[in-house]
């Protein structure tokens, strides 16, 4: 399962770097509320993209 996740992150380096930097900014800094809401929306969109791309729960 983790190998599939890392393969997708390596296949899409630009999206992966945005995801990782966005996640660390939200975890370790306190951005303004509106900015954090936009960043959280971007994280949710990227997670939906990964879920569709990975299809982890299919046989």
PDB file of N, CA and C in Angstrom:
ATOM      1  N   UNK A   1       0.818  -1.192   0.000  1.00  0.00           N
ATOM      2  CA  UNK A   1       0.000   0.000   0.000  1.00  0.00           C
ATOM      3  C   UNK A   1       0.862   1.256   0.000  1.00  0.00           C
ATOM      4  N   UNK A   2       1.899   1.310   0.860  1.00  0.00           N
ATOM      5  CA  UNK A   2       2.743   2.498   0.908  1.00  0.00           C
ATOM      6  C   UNK A   2       3.564   2.661  -0.362  1.00  0.00           C
ATOM      7  N   UNK A   3       3.896   1.530  -1.011  1.00  0.00           N
ATOM      8  CA  UNK A   3       4.643   1.604  -2.267  1.00  0.00           C
ATOM      9  C   UNK A   3       3.817   2.298  -3.342  1.00  0.00           C
ATOM     10  N   UNK A   4       2.501   2.030  -3.384  1.00  0.00           N
ATOM     11  CA  UNK A   4       1.636   2.697  -4.357  1.00  0.00           C
ATOM     12  C   UNK A   4       1.576   4.198  -4.095  1.00  0.00           C
ATOM     13  N   UNK A   5       1.507   4.578  -2.835  1.00  0.00           N
ATOM     14  CA  UNK A   5       1.442   5.995  -2.480  1.00  0.00           C
ATOM     15  C   UNK A   5       2.728   6.703  -2.885  1.00  0.00           C
ATOM     16  N   UNK A   6       3.883   6.112  -2.580  1.00  0.00           N
ATOM     17  CA  UNK A   6       5.147   6.724  -2.942  1.00  0.00           C
ATOM     18  C   UNK A   6       5.341   6.782  -4.448  1.00  0.00           C
ATOM     19  N   UNK A   7       4.857   5.777  -5.173  1.00  0.00           N
ATOM     20  CA  UNK A   7       4.951   5.801  -6.637  1.00  0.00           C
ATOM     21  C   UNK A   7       4.152   6.954  -7.232  1.00  0.00           C
ATOM     22  N   UNK A   8       2.962   7.201  -6.698  1.00  0.00           N
ATOM     23  CA  UNK A   8       2.156   8.320  -7.197  1.00  0.00           C
ATOM     24  C   UNK A   8       2.813   9.645  -6.849  1.00  0.00           C
ATOM     25  N   UNK A   9       3.380   9.759  -5.640  1.00  0.00           N
ATOM     26  CA  UNK A   9       4.055  10.999  -5.264  1.00  0.00           C
ATOM     27  C   UNK A   9       5.263  11.251  -6.154  1.00  0.00           C
ATOM     28  N   UNK A  10       5.987  10.216  -6.533  1.00  0.00           N
ATOM     29  CA  UNK A  10       7.148  10.367  -7.399  1.00  0.00           C
ATOM     30  C   UNK A  10       6.713  10.678  -8.827  1.00  0.00           C
ATOM     31  N   UNK A  11       5.601  10.109  -9.268  1.00  0.00           N
ATOM     32  CA  UNK A  11       5.114  10.359 -10.627  1.00  0.00           C
ATOM     33  C   UNK A  11       4.620  11.789 -10.822  1.00  0.00           C
ATOM     34  N   UNK A  12       4.172  12.431  -9.759  1.00  0.00           N
ATOM     35  CA  UNK A  12       3.656  13.805  -9.821  1.00  0.00           C
ATOM     36  C   UNK A  12       4.437  14.680  -8.843  1.00  0.00           C
ATOM     37  N   UNK A  13       5.678  15.054  -9.182  1.00  0.00           N
ATOM     38  CA  UNK A  13       6.514  15.774  -8.203  1.00  0.00           C
ATOM     39  C   UNK A  13       6.012  17.170  -7.854  1.00  0.00           C
ATOM     40  N   UNK A  14       5.416  17.879  -8.814  1.00  0.00           N
ATOM     41  CA  UNK A  14       4.930  19.228  -8.519  1.00  0.00           C
ATOM     42  C   UNK A  14       3.774  19.183  -7.523  1.00  0.00           C
ATOM     43  N   UNK A  15       2.822  18.295  -7.766  1.00  0.00           N
ATOM     44  CA  UNK A  15       1.686  18.171  -6.846  1.00  0.00           C
ATOM     45  C   UNK A  15       2.141  17.654  -5.484  1.00  0.00           C
ATOM     46  N   UNK A  16       3.113  16.743  -5.484  1.00  0.00           N
ATOM     47  CA  UNK A  16       3.614  16.211  -4.219  1.00  0.00           C
ATOM     48  C   UNK A  16       4.309  17.292  -3.400  1.00  0.00           C
ATOM     49  N   UNK A  17       5.088  18.147  -4.055  1.00  0.00           N
ATOM     50  CA  UNK A  17       5.773  19.201  -3.310  1.00  0.00           C
ATOM     51  C   UNK A  17       4.774  20.215  -2.749  1.00  0.00           C
ATOM     52  N   UNK A  18       3.732  20.527  -3.518  1.00  0.00           N
ATOM     53  CA  UNK A  18       2.688  21.424  -3.004  1.00  0.00           C
ATOM     54  C   UNK A  18       1.991  20.789  -1.809  1.00  0.00           C
ATOM     55  N   UNK A  19       1.675  19.492  -1.904  1.00  0.00           N
ATOM     56  CA  UNK A  19       1.002  18.784  -0.816  1.00  0.00           C
ATOM     57  C   UNK A  19       1.853  18.780   0.450  1.00  0.00           C
ATOM     58  N   UNK A  20       3.128  18.458   0.309  1.00  0.00           N
ATOM     59  CA  UNK A  20       4.006  18.356   1.482  1.00  0.00           C
ATOM     60  C   UNK A  20       4.217  19.722   2.124  1.00  0.00           C
ATOM     61  N   UNK A  21       4.478  20.745   1.307  1.00  0.00           N
ATOM     62  CA  UNK A  21       4.689  22.075   1.888  1.00  0.00           C
ATOM     63  C   UNK A  21       3.406  22.617   2.521  1.00  0.00           C
ATOM     64  N   UNK A  22       2.272  22.363   1.884  1.00  0.00           N
ATOM     65  CA  UNK A  22       0.981  22.801   2.423  1.00  0.00           C
ATOM     66  C   UNK A  22       0.705  22.127   3.768  1.00  0.00           C
ATOM     67  N   UNK A  23       0.970  20.838   3.847  1.00  0.00           N
ATOM     68  CA  UNK A  23       0.751  20.093   5.081  1.00  0.00           C
ATOM     69  C   UNK A  23       1.636  20.609   6.212  1.00  0.00           C
ATOM     70  N   UNK A  24       2.921  20.853   5.923  1.00  0.00           N
ATOM     71  CA  UNK A  24       3.817  21.339   6.966  1.00  0.00           C
ATOM     72  C   UNK A  24       3.479  22.757   7.410  1.00  0.00           C
ATOM     73  N   UNK A  25       3.046  23.606   6.483  1.00  0.00           N
ATOM     74  CA  UNK A  25       2.649  24.959   6.885  1.00  0.00           C
ATOM     75  C   UNK A  25       1.435  24.908   7.800  1.00  0.00           C
ATOM     76  N   UNK A  26       0.469  24.051   7.467  1.00  0.00           N
ATOM     77  CA  UNK A  26      -0.715  23.958   8.323  1.00  0.00           C
ATOM     78  C   UNK A  26      -0.404  23.332   9.680  1.00  0.00           C
ATOM     79  N   UNK A  27       0.555  22.402   9.722  1.00  0.00           N
ATOM     80  CA  UNK A  27       0.871  21.737  10.986  1.00  0.00           C
ATOM     81  C   UNK A  27       1.742  22.580  11.908  1.00  0.00           C
ATOM     82  N   UNK A  28       2.731  23.280  11.364  1.00  0.00           N
ATOM     83  CA  UNK A  28       3.744  23.905  12.210  1.00  0.00           C
ATOM     84  C   UNK A  28       3.662  25.425  12.291  1.00  0.00           C
ATOM     85  N   UNK A  29       2.820  26.057  11.496  1.00  0.00           N
ATOM     86  CA  UNK A  29       2.654  27.499  11.563  1.00  0.00           C
ATOM     87  C   UNK A  29       1.187  27.814  11.821  1.00  0.00           C
ATOM     88  N   UNK A  30       0.935  29.015  12.165  1.00  0.00           N
ATOM     89  CA  UNK A  30      -0.447  29.449  12.376  1.00  0.00           C
ATOM     90  C   UNK A  30      -0.789  30.508  11.339  1.00  0.00           C
ATOM     91  N   UNK A  31      -1.175  30.066  10.121  1.00  0.00           N
ATOM     92  CA  UNK A  31      -1.542  31.065   9.105  1.00  0.00           C
ATOM     93  C   UNK A  31      -2.893  31.695   9.437  1.00  0.00           C
ATOM     94  N   UNK A  32      -3.199  32.824   8.800  1.00  0.00           N
ATOM     95  CA  UNK A  32      -4.521  33.439   9.008  1.00  0.00           C
ATOM     96  C   UNK A  32      -5.633  32.477   8.611  1.00  0.00           C
ATOM     97  N   UNK A  33      -6.816  32.707   9.173  1.00  0.00           N
ATOM     98  CA  UNK A  33      -7.915  31.759   9.004  1.00  0.00           C
ATOM     99  C   UNK A  33      -8.293  31.559   7.546  1.00  0.00           C
ATOM    100  N   UNK A  34      -8.426  32.625   6.796  1.00  0.00           N
ATOM    101  CA  UNK A  34      -8.845  32.508   5.396  1.00  0.00           C
ATOM    102  C   UNK A  34      -7.805  31.757   4.570  1.00  0.00           C
ATOM    103  N   UNK A  35      -6.531  32.061   4.807  1.00  0.00           N
ATOM    104  CA  UNK A  35      -5.454  31.372   4.103  1.00  0.00           C
ATOM    105  C   UNK A  35      -5.414  29.891   4.465  1.00  0.00           C
ATOM    106  N   UNK A  36      -5.607  29.579   5.735  1.00  0.00           N
ATOM    107  CA  UNK A  36      -5.601  28.169   6.143  1.00  0.00           C
ATOM    108  C   UNK A  36      -6.806  27.428   5.583  1.00  0.00           C
ATOM    109  N   UNK A  37      -7.931  28.109   5.427  1.00  0.00           N
ATOM    110  CA  UNK A  37      -9.104  27.491   4.819  1.00  0.00           C
ATOM    111  C   UNK A  37      -8.855  27.145   3.354  1.00  0.00           C
ATOM    112  N   UNK A  38      -8.197  28.042   2.631  1.00  0.00           N
ATOM    113  CA  UNK A  38      -7.843  27.776   1.235  1.00  0.00           C
ATOM    114  C   UNK A  38      -6.852  26.619   1.152  1.00  0.00           C
ATOM    115  N   UNK A  39      -5.876  26.599   2.045  1.00  0.00           N
ATOM    116  CA  UNK A  39      -4.873  25.529   2.045  1.00  0.00           C
ATOM    117  C   UNK A  39      -5.520  24.191   2.396  1.00  0.00           C
ATOM    118  N   UNK A  40      -6.439  24.192   3.334  1.00  0.00           N
ATOM    119  CA  UNK A  40      -7.133  22.966   3.704  1.00  0.00           C
ATOM    120  C   UNK A  40      -7.978  22.443   2.550  1.00  0.00           C
ATOM    121  N   UNK A  41      -8.598  23.349   1.807  1.00  0.00           N
ATOM    122  CA  UNK A  41      -9.368  22.958   0.626  1.00  0.00           C
ATOM    123  C   UNK A  41      -8.459  22.336  -0.427  1.00  0.00           C
ATOM    124  N   UNK A  42      -7.276  22.906  -0.609  1.00  0.00           N
ATOM    125  CA  UNK A  42      -6.319  22.342  -1.559  1.00  0.00           C
ATOM    126  C   UNK A  42      -5.866  20.955  -1.114  1.00  0.00           C
ATOM    127  N   UNK A  43      -5.645  20.768   0.185  1.00  0.00           N
ATOM    128  CA  UNK A  43      -5.266  19.448   0.690  1.00  0.00           C
ATOM    129  C   UNK A  43      -6.362  18.419   0.460  1.00  0.00           C
ATOM    130  N   UNK A  44      -7.598  18.820   0.682  1.00  0.00           N
ATOM    131  CA  UNK A  44      -8.715  17.889   0.472  1.00  0.00           C
ATOM    132  C   UNK A  44      -8.840  17.522  -1.003  1.00  0.00           C
ATOM    133  N   UNK A  45      -8.657  18.495  -1.881  1.00  0.00           N
ATOM    134  CA  UNK A  45      -8.702  18.214  -3.314  1.00  0.00           C
ATOM    135  C   UNK A  45      -7.589  17.270  -3.743  1.00  0.00           C
ATOM    136  N   UNK A  46      -6.395  17.482  -3.201  1.00  0.00           N
ATOM    137  CA  UNK A  46      -5.284  16.595  -3.539  1.00  0.00           C
ATOM    138  C   UNK A  46      -5.507  15.192  -2.980  1.00  0.00           C
ATOM    139  N   UNK A  47      -6.088  15.098  -1.803  1.00  0.00           N
ATOM    140  CA  UNK A  47      -6.389  13.776  -1.241  1.00  0.00           C
ATOM    141  C   UNK A  47      -7.431  13.037  -2.078  1.00  0.00           C
ATOM    142  N   UNK A  48      -8.394  13.779  -2.609  1.00  0.00           N
ATOM    143  CA  UNK A  48      -9.371  13.137  -3.496  1.00  0.00           C
ATOM    144  C   UNK A  48      -8.708  12.680  -4.787  1.00  0.00           C
ATOM    145  N   UNK A  49      -7.761  13.478  -5.296  1.00  0.00           N
ATOM    146  CA  UNK A  49      -7.005  13.084  -6.483  1.00  0.00           C
ATOM    147  C   UNK A  49      -6.218  11.806  -6.220  1.00  0.00           C
ATOM    148  N   UNK A  50      -5.545  11.743  -5.061  1.00  0.00           N
ATOM    149  CA  UNK A  50      -4.790  10.538  -4.721  1.00  0.00           C
ATOM    150  C   UNK A  50      -5.700   9.333  -4.547  1.00  0.00           C
ATOM    151  N   UNK A  51      -6.847   9.536  -3.944  1.00  0.00           N
ATOM    152  CA  UNK A  51      -7.781   8.434  -3.758  1.00  0.00           C
ATOM    153  C   UNK A  51      -8.264   7.882  -5.065  1.00  0.00           C
ATOM    154  N   UNK A  52      -8.515   8.739  -6.032  1.00  0.00           N
ATOM    155  CA  UNK A  52      -8.950   8.280  -7.337  1.00  0.00           C
ATOM    156  C   UNK A  52      -7.803   7.630  -8.094  1.00  0.00           C
ATOM    157  N   UNK A  53      -6.614   8.177  -7.956  1.00  0.00           N
ATOM    158  CA  UNK A  53      -5.445   7.661  -8.679  1.00  0.00           C
ATOM    159  C   UNK A  53      -4.989   6.326  -8.116  1.00  0.00           C
ATOM    160  N   UNK A  54      -5.070   6.148  -6.806  1.00  0.00           N
ATOM    161  CA  UNK A  54      -4.536   4.945  -6.180  1.00  0.00           C
ATOM    162  C   UNK A  54      -5.515   3.780  -6.216  1.00  0.00           C
ATOM    163  N   UNK A  55      -6.778   4.038  -5.973  1.00  0.00           N
ATOM    164  CA  UNK A  55      -7.800   2.991  -5.885  1.00  0.00           C
ATOM    165  C   UNK A  55      -7.320   1.879  -4.947  1.00  0.00           C
ATOM    166  N   UNK A  56      -7.013   2.259  -3.719  1.00  0.00           N
ATOM    167  CA  UNK A  56      -6.423   1.308  -2.761  1.00  0.00           C
ATOM    168  C   UNK A  56      -7.371   0.196  -2.362  1.00  0.00           C
ATOM    169  N   UNK A  57      -8.661   0.458  -2.377  1.00  0.00           N
ATOM    170  CA  UNK A  57      -9.587  -0.512  -1.839  1.00  0.00           C
ATOM    171  C   UNK A  57     -10.267  -1.358  -2.910  1.00  0.00           C
ATOM    172  N   UNK A  58      -9.745  -1.311  -4.137  1.00  0.00           N
ATOM    173  CA  UNK A  58     -10.228  -2.215  -5.166  1.00  0.00           C
ATOM    174  C   UNK A  58      -9.458  -3.521  -5.100  1.00  0.00           C
ATOM    175  N   UNK A  59     -10.019  -4.576  -5.629  1.00  0.00           N
ATOM    176  CA  UNK A  59      -9.335  -5.874  -5.603  1.00  0.00           C
ATOM    177  C   UNK A  59      -8.204  -5.948  -6.565  1.00  0.00           C
TER     178      UNK A  59
END
